[in-house]
Amino acid sequence: MARIPSGFEFTVAGEQVEIRHHGRRAATLRGPAARRFLVDVETRDPQQVMARVTGNYKHGNERKGGRRP
């Protein structure tokens, strides 16, 4: 079962967006990326958007459930 992303927060300072994960800086967005991020946060799940932007989303070791040979 997939875990729901949590622990993310962001702050906006001018044209810069800083994303933090559990209090530590995970990403800084500027210019068009920051503007696109702010639109996405308003229209989608903010925790999910921040997880995807920071790359803390899927690491390749997730497996689908089911039978194995």
C-alpha atoms as a PDB file:
ATOM      1  CA  MET A   1       0.000   0.000   0.000  1.00  0.00           C
ATOM      2  CA  ALA A   2       1.372   3.410  -0.948  1.00  0.00           C
ATOM      3  CA  ARG A   3       2.043   5.919   1.793  1.00  0.00           C
ATOM      4  CA  ILE A   4       0.546   9.368   1.485  1.00  0.00           C
ATOM      5  CA  PRO A   5       3.308  12.013   1.390  1.00  0.00           C
ATOM      6  CA  SER A   6       3.469  14.150   4.511  1.00  0.00           C
ATOM      7  CA  GLY A   7       5.831  16.499   6.301  1.00  0.00           C
ATOM      8  CA  PHE A   8       6.190  18.958   3.437  1.00  0.00           C
ATOM      9  CA  GLU A   9       5.725  22.720   3.746  1.00  0.00           C
ATOM     10  CA  PHE A  10       6.643  25.655   1.563  1.00  0.00           C
ATOM     11  CA  THR A  11       7.311  29.370   1.890  1.00  0.00           C
ATOM     12  CA  VAL A  12       7.171  32.068  -0.752  1.00  0.00           C
ATOM     13  CA  ALA A  13       9.660  34.939  -0.752  1.00  0.00           C
ATOM     14  CA  GLY A  14       9.290  37.215  -3.755  1.00  0.00           C
ATOM     15  CA  GLU A  15       9.648  35.030  -6.846  1.00  0.00           C
ATOM     16  CA  GLN A  16      11.257  32.168  -4.964  1.00  0.00           C
ATOM     17  CA  VAL A  17       9.574  29.149  -3.364  1.00  0.00           C
ATOM     18  CA  GLU A  18      11.393  27.081  -0.767  1.00  0.00           C
ATOM     19  CA  ILE A  19      10.100  23.585  -0.044  1.00  0.00           C
ATOM     20  CA  ARG A  20      10.992  21.921   3.253  1.00  0.00           C
ATOM     21  CA  HIS A  21      10.554  18.314   4.296  1.00  0.00           C
ATOM     22  CA  HIS A  22      10.451  17.744   8.059  1.00  0.00           C
ATOM     23  CA  GLY A  23      12.118  21.119   8.576  1.00  0.00           C
ATOM     24  CA  ARG A  24      15.028  20.583   6.162  1.00  0.00           C
ATOM     25  CA  ARG A  25      15.278  22.387   2.830  1.00  0.00           C
ATOM     26  CA  ALA A  26      14.430  19.948   0.033  1.00  0.00           C
ATOM     27  CA  ALA A  27      14.155  22.271  -2.982  1.00  0.00           C
ATOM     28  CA  THR A  28      14.185  25.903  -4.067  1.00  0.00           C
ATOM     29  CA  LEU A  29      12.168  26.945  -7.101  1.00  0.00           C
ATOM     30  CA  ARG A  30      12.577  30.198  -9.026  1.00  0.00           C
ATOM     31  CA  GLY A  31      10.940  31.861 -12.018  1.00  0.00           C
ATOM     32  CA  PRO A  32       8.567  29.817 -14.193  1.00  0.00           C
ATOM     33  CA  ALA A  33       9.031  26.661 -12.090  1.00  0.00           C
ATOM     34  CA  ALA A  34       7.937  28.538  -8.961  1.00  0.00           C
ATOM     35  CA  ARG A  35       4.893  30.014 -10.696  1.00  0.00           C
ATOM     36  CA  ARG A  36       3.875  26.601 -12.098  1.00  0.00           C
ATOM     37  CA  PHE A  37       4.337  25.056  -8.640  1.00  0.00           C
ATOM     38  CA  LEU A  38       2.044  27.635  -7.012  1.00  0.00           C
ATOM     39  CA  VAL A  39      -0.682  26.927  -9.571  1.00  0.00           C
ATOM     40  CA  ASP A  40      -0.332  23.157  -9.061  1.00  0.00           C
ATOM     41  CA  VAL A  41      -0.500  23.489  -5.268  1.00  0.00           C
ATOM     42  CA  GLU A  42      -3.791  25.365  -5.565  1.00  0.00           C
ATOM     43  CA  THR A  43      -5.397  22.824  -7.907  1.00  0.00           C
ATOM     44  CA  ARG A  44      -3.981  19.515  -6.584  1.00  0.00           C
ATOM     45  CA  ASP A  45      -2.984  17.856  -3.329  1.00  0.00           C
ATOM     46  CA  PRO A  46      -0.150  20.058  -1.983  1.00  0.00           C
ATOM     47  CA  GLN A  47       1.706  17.203  -0.258  1.00  0.00           C
ATOM     48  CA  GLN A  48       1.679  15.139  -3.447  1.00  0.00           C
ATOM     49  CA  VAL A  49       2.895  18.062  -5.569  1.00  0.00           C
ATOM     50  CA  MET A  50       5.747  18.849  -3.179  1.00  0.00           C
ATOM     51  CA  ALA A  51       6.801  15.187  -3.046  1.00  0.00           C
ATOM     52  CA  ARG A  52       6.949  15.018  -6.834  1.00  0.00           C
ATOM     53  CA  VAL A  53       8.840  18.306  -7.182  1.00  0.00           C
ATOM     54  CA  THR A  54      11.483  17.315  -4.646  1.00  0.00           C
ATOM     55  CA  GLY A  55      11.937  13.850  -6.127  1.00  0.00           C
ATOM     56  CA  ASN A  56      10.880  12.243  -2.870  1.00  0.00           C
ATOM     57  CA  TYR A  57       8.053  10.358  -4.503  1.00  0.00           C
ATOM     58  CA  LYS A  58       8.988   6.981  -5.977  1.00  0.00           C
ATOM     59  CA  HIS A  59      12.385   5.446  -5.675  1.00  0.00           C
ATOM     60  CA  GLY A  60      11.979   2.420  -7.937  1.00  0.00           C
ATOM     61  CA  ASN A  61      11.836  -0.127  -5.168  1.00  0.00           C
ATOM     62  CA  GLU A  62       8.054  -0.080  -4.840  1.00  0.00           C
ATOM     63  CA  ARG A  63       6.408  -3.289  -5.971  1.00  0.00           C
ATOM     64  CA  LYS A  64       2.895  -4.162  -6.865  1.00  0.00           C
ATOM     65  CA  GLY A  65       1.187  -6.657  -4.642  1.00  0.00           C
ATOM     66  CA  GLY A  66       0.356 -10.073  -5.915  1.00  0.00           C
ATOM     67  CA  ARG A  67       1.667 -13.559  -6.287  1.00  0.00           C
ATOM     68  CA  ARG A  68       5.282 -14.194  -7.068  1.00  0.00           C
ATOM     69  CA  PRO A  69       6.623 -17.251  -8.833  1.00  0.00           C
END
